[in-house]
Amino acid sequence: MGKAPCVNDNHIIDDISFKLKVVTKAAAFTVLPSQSGTVFTTSGATGGVTFTLPAAEDGLIYWFVNAVDGDMKVSAPSAIMIAYNNAAATTVSWETAAEQIGGGFEIFSDGTKWYSMPMKPSAAATMTVA
């Protein structure tokens, strides 16, 4: 601690490790830019949970994982999310009963758009894009 990391001959930092911050939310929540790099879960929720993204900002990244059998939705500012088969989405969600637990999204921004990468609990799981 307090020392510069060692860099090998290939300019790679050897033995670097980090931990992601994991935050549980059981109700609607507005995500902050300062929380970039956080994994949000719905553990303990008894109803649907909606996560609202901030304005697009280059380099922001979040992960959202549904831990309960309830709807989980991630909402972006109007029509600036790229999601499966939709270049102007506003929300992505897991809403199909019995296909929700374990569903998630990795969502990142290039400063103009949000990009949604689904994490499907099974090949048959259905996500909703709107």
C-alpha atoms as a PDB file:
ATOM      1  CA  MET A   1       0.000   0.000   0.000  1.00  0.00           C
ATOM      2  CA  GLY A   2       1.330   3.444  -0.814  1.00  0.00           C
ATOM      3  CA  LYS A   3       3.734   2.157  -3.451  1.00  0.00           C
ATOM      4  CA  ALA A   4       3.464   2.188  -7.222  1.00  0.00           C
ATOM      5  CA  PRO A   5       2.445  -1.198  -8.679  1.00  0.00           C
ATOM      6  CA  CYS A   6       5.115  -3.349 -10.327  1.00  0.00           C
ATOM      7  CA  VAL A   7       4.937  -3.436 -14.114  1.00  0.00           C
ATOM      8  CA  ASN A   8       6.500  -6.346 -16.009  1.00  0.00           C
ATOM      9  CA  ASP A   9       8.458  -6.227 -19.287  1.00  0.00           C
ATOM     10  CA  ASN A  10       5.174  -6.403 -21.241  1.00  0.00           C
ATOM     11  CA  HIS A  11       3.881  -3.296 -19.431  1.00  0.00           C
ATOM     12  CA  ILE A  12       1.316  -5.343 -17.513  1.00  0.00           C
ATOM     13  CA  ILE A  13       0.714  -4.908 -13.809  1.00  0.00           C
ATOM     14  CA  ASP A  14       1.353  -8.258 -12.161  1.00  0.00           C
ATOM     15  CA  ASP A  15      -0.881  -9.587  -9.412  1.00  0.00           C
ATOM     16  CA  ILE A  16      -3.495  -6.849  -9.483  1.00  0.00           C
ATOM     17  CA  SER A  17      -6.826  -7.564  -7.841  1.00  0.00           C
ATOM     18  CA  PHE A  18      -9.909  -5.659  -6.815  1.00  0.00           C
ATOM     19  CA  LYS A  19     -13.364  -6.255  -5.411  1.00  0.00           C
ATOM     20  CA  LEU A  20     -16.621  -5.073  -6.908  1.00  0.00           C
ATOM     21  CA  LYS A  21     -18.983  -3.265  -4.604  1.00  0.00           C
ATOM     22  CA  VAL A  22     -22.262  -5.177  -4.241  1.00  0.00           C
ATOM     23  CA  VAL A  23     -25.352  -3.208  -3.181  1.00  0.00           C
ATOM     24  CA  THR A  24     -28.774  -4.667  -2.449  1.00  0.00           C
ATOM     25  CA  LYS A  25     -31.923  -2.710  -3.287  1.00  0.00           C
ATOM     26  CA  ALA A  26     -35.439  -3.897  -2.465  1.00  0.00           C
ATOM     27  CA  ALA A  27     -37.262  -0.860  -3.874  1.00  0.00           C
ATOM     28  CA  ALA A  28     -36.963   1.594  -6.769  1.00  0.00           C
ATOM     29  CA  PHE A  29     -33.564   3.282  -6.842  1.00  0.00           C
ATOM     30  CA  THR A  30     -31.852   5.996  -8.885  1.00  0.00           C
ATOM     31  CA  VAL A  31     -28.257   5.020  -9.633  1.00  0.00           C
ATOM     32  CA  LEU A  32     -25.556   7.684  -9.249  1.00  0.00           C
ATOM     33  CA  PRO A  33     -22.530   8.221 -11.501  1.00  0.00           C
ATOM     34  CA  SER A  34     -20.322   7.827  -8.410  1.00  0.00           C
ATOM     35  CA  GLN A  35     -21.601   4.235  -8.118  1.00  0.00           C
ATOM     36  CA  SER A  36     -20.019   3.181 -11.416  1.00  0.00           C
ATOM     37  CA  GLY A  37     -18.517  -0.294 -11.055  1.00  0.00           C
ATOM     38  CA  THR A  38     -21.224  -1.453  -8.652  1.00  0.00           C
ATOM     39  CA  VAL A  39     -23.227  -4.669  -8.810  1.00  0.00           C
ATOM     40  CA  PHE A  40     -26.834  -4.053  -7.760  1.00  0.00           C
ATOM     41  CA  THR A  41     -29.015  -6.974  -6.648  1.00  0.00           C
ATOM     42  CA  THR A  42     -32.669  -7.259  -5.681  1.00  0.00           C
ATOM     43  CA  SER A  43     -32.067  -9.570  -2.700  1.00  0.00           C
ATOM     44  CA  GLY A  44     -34.847  -9.194  -0.160  1.00  0.00           C
ATOM     45  CA  ALA A  45     -37.271  -7.432  -2.491  1.00  0.00           C
ATOM     46  CA  THR A  46     -40.900  -8.461  -2.150  1.00  0.00           C
ATOM     47  CA  GLY A  47     -42.084  -6.642  -5.266  1.00  0.00           C
ATOM     48  CA  GLY A  48     -40.711  -5.279  -8.487  1.00  0.00           C
ATOM     49  CA  VAL A  49     -37.558  -3.150  -8.455  1.00  0.00           C
ATOM     50  CA  THR A  50     -36.772  -0.422 -10.997  1.00  0.00           C
ATOM     51  CA  PHE A  51     -33.265   0.973 -11.297  1.00  0.00           C
ATOM     52  CA  THR A  52     -33.058   4.380 -12.999  1.00  0.00           C
ATOM     53  CA  LEU A  53     -29.797   5.224 -14.739  1.00  0.00           C
ATOM     54  CA  PRO A  54     -28.250   8.695 -14.651  1.00  0.00           C
ATOM     55  CA  ALA A  55     -27.490  10.720 -17.780  1.00  0.00           C
ATOM     56  CA  ALA A  56     -25.114   8.920 -20.140  1.00  0.00           C
ATOM     57  CA  GLU A  57     -21.484   9.566 -19.240  1.00  0.00           C
ATOM     58  CA  ASP A  58     -18.438   8.029 -20.909  1.00  0.00           C
ATOM     59  CA  GLY A  59     -17.068   5.053 -18.982  1.00  0.00           C
ATOM     60  CA  LEU A  60     -19.900   4.463 -16.514  1.00  0.00           C
ATOM     61  CA  ILE A  61     -20.646   0.767 -15.973  1.00  0.00           C
ATOM     62  CA  TYR A  62     -23.083  -1.108 -13.733  1.00  0.00           C
ATOM     63  CA  TRP A  63     -24.333  -4.650 -13.272  1.00  0.00           C
ATOM     64  CA  PHE A  64     -27.885  -5.515 -12.208  1.00  0.00           C
ATOM     65  CA  VAL A  65     -28.842  -9.011 -10.997  1.00  0.00           C
ATOM     66  CA  ASN A  66     -32.353 -10.144 -10.120  1.00  0.00           C
ATOM     67  CA  ALA A  67     -32.215 -12.297  -7.000  1.00  0.00           C
ATOM     68  CA  VAL A  68     -35.962 -12.754  -6.481  1.00  0.00           C
ATOM     69  CA  ASP A  69     -38.970 -13.989  -8.422  1.00  0.00           C
ATOM     70  CA  GLY A  70     -40.214 -10.486  -9.224  1.00  0.00           C
ATOM     71  CA  ASP A  71     -39.871  -7.942 -11.996  1.00  0.00           C
ATOM     72  CA  MET A  72     -36.554  -6.132 -12.328  1.00  0.00           C
ATOM     73  CA  LYS A  73     -36.350  -3.159 -14.680  1.00  0.00           C
ATOM     74  CA  VAL A  74     -33.481  -0.842 -15.661  1.00  0.00           C
ATOM     75  CA  SER A  75     -34.595   2.486 -17.082  1.00  0.00           C
ATOM     76  CA  ALA A  76     -32.481   5.002 -19.029  1.00  0.00           C
ATOM     77  CA  PRO A  77     -33.250   8.535 -20.140  1.00  0.00           C
ATOM     78  CA  SER A  78     -35.693   8.383 -23.058  1.00  0.00           C
ATOM     79  CA  ALA A  79     -34.645   6.401 -26.131  1.00  0.00           C
ATOM     80  CA  ILE A  80     -30.867   6.355 -25.581  1.00  0.00           C
ATOM     81  CA  MET A  81     -30.338   2.688 -24.699  1.00  0.00           C
ATOM     82  CA  ILE A  82     -29.054   0.116 -27.166  1.00  0.00           C
ATOM     83  CA  ALA A  83     -30.642  -3.235 -26.306  1.00  0.00           C
ATOM     84  CA  TYR A  84     -31.438  -6.458 -28.120  1.00  0.00           C
ATOM     85  CA  ASN A  85     -33.093  -5.571 -31.434  1.00  0.00           C
ATOM     86  CA  ASN A  86     -33.760  -1.972 -30.359  1.00  0.00           C
ATOM     87  CA  ALA A  87     -31.455   1.015 -31.018  1.00  0.00           C
ATOM     88  CA  ALA A  88     -33.670   3.495 -29.141  1.00  0.00           C
ATOM     89  CA  ALA A  89     -34.836   1.659 -26.019  1.00  0.00           C
ATOM     90  CA  THR A  90     -35.715   3.243 -22.711  1.00  0.00           C
ATOM     91  CA  THR A  91     -36.031   0.128 -20.512  1.00  0.00           C
ATOM     92  CA  VAL A  92     -34.825  -3.431 -20.271  1.00  0.00           C
ATOM     93  CA  SER A  93     -36.382  -5.840 -17.802  1.00  0.00           C
ATOM     94  CA  TRP A  94     -37.015  -9.365 -16.611  1.00  0.00           C
ATOM     95  CA  GLU A  95     -40.790  -9.619 -16.248  1.00  0.00           C
ATOM     96  CA  THR A  96     -41.783 -13.115 -17.362  1.00  0.00           C
ATOM     97  CA  ALA A  97     -42.923 -15.192 -14.384  1.00  0.00           C
ATOM     98  CA  ALA A  98     -40.598 -18.096 -13.492  1.00  0.00           C
ATOM     99  CA  GLU A  99     -37.830 -16.584 -15.691  1.00  0.00           C
ATOM    100  CA  GLN A 100     -36.701 -13.770 -13.423  1.00  0.00           C
ATOM    101  CA  ILE A 101     -34.311 -15.168 -10.801  1.00  0.00           C
ATOM    102  CA  GLY A 102     -30.727 -14.899 -12.011  1.00  0.00           C
ATOM    103  CA  GLY A 103     -31.540 -12.574 -14.895  1.00  0.00           C
ATOM    104  CA  GLY A 104     -29.416  -9.494 -15.146  1.00  0.00           C
ATOM    105  CA  PHE A 105     -27.786  -6.810 -17.238  1.00  0.00           C
ATOM    106  CA  GLU A 106     -24.356  -5.326 -17.685  1.00  0.00           C
ATOM    107  CA  ILE A 107     -24.938  -1.729 -18.725  1.00  0.00           C
ATOM    108  CA  PHE A 108     -22.288   0.778 -19.781  1.00  0.00           C
ATOM    109  CA  SER A 109     -22.134   4.171 -21.466  1.00  0.00           C
ATOM    110  CA  ASP A 110     -20.030   5.809 -24.162  1.00  0.00           C
ATOM    111  CA  GLY A 111     -21.173   9.277 -23.119  1.00  0.00           C
ATOM    112  CA  THR A 112     -24.036   9.412 -25.603  1.00  0.00           C
ATOM    113  CA  LYS A 113     -25.833   6.064 -25.285  1.00  0.00           C
ATOM    114  CA  TRP A 114     -26.334   3.311 -22.731  1.00  0.00           C
ATOM    115  CA  TYR A 115     -25.522  -0.230 -23.923  1.00  0.00           C
ATOM    116  CA  SER A 116     -27.362  -3.143 -22.344  1.00  0.00           C
ATOM    117  CA  MET A 117     -25.853  -6.614 -22.348  1.00  0.00           C
ATOM    118  CA  PRO A 118     -28.290  -9.215 -20.967  1.00  0.00           C
ATOM    119  CA  MET A 119     -27.234 -11.925 -18.538  1.00  0.00           C
ATOM    120  CA  LYS A 120     -29.770 -14.674 -19.159  1.00  0.00           C
ATOM    121  CA  PRO A 121     -30.430 -17.299 -16.481  1.00  0.00           C
ATOM    122  CA  SER A 122     -31.233 -19.786 -19.279  1.00  0.00           C
ATOM    123  CA  ALA A 123     -31.367 -19.826 -23.055  1.00  0.00           C
ATOM    124  CA  ALA A 124     -35.179 -19.833 -22.869  1.00  0.00           C
ATOM    125  CA  ALA A 125     -35.453 -16.814 -20.555  1.00  0.00           C
ATOM    126  CA  THR A 126     -37.320 -13.852 -22.030  1.00  0.00           C
ATOM    127  CA  MET A 127     -36.255 -10.278 -21.387  1.00  0.00           C
ATOM    128  CA  THR A 128     -38.439  -7.311 -22.249  1.00  0.00           C
ATOM    129  CA  VAL A 129     -37.111  -4.307 -24.183  1.00  0.00           C
ATOM    130  CA  ALA A 130     -39.199  -1.162 -24.494  1.00  0.00           C
END
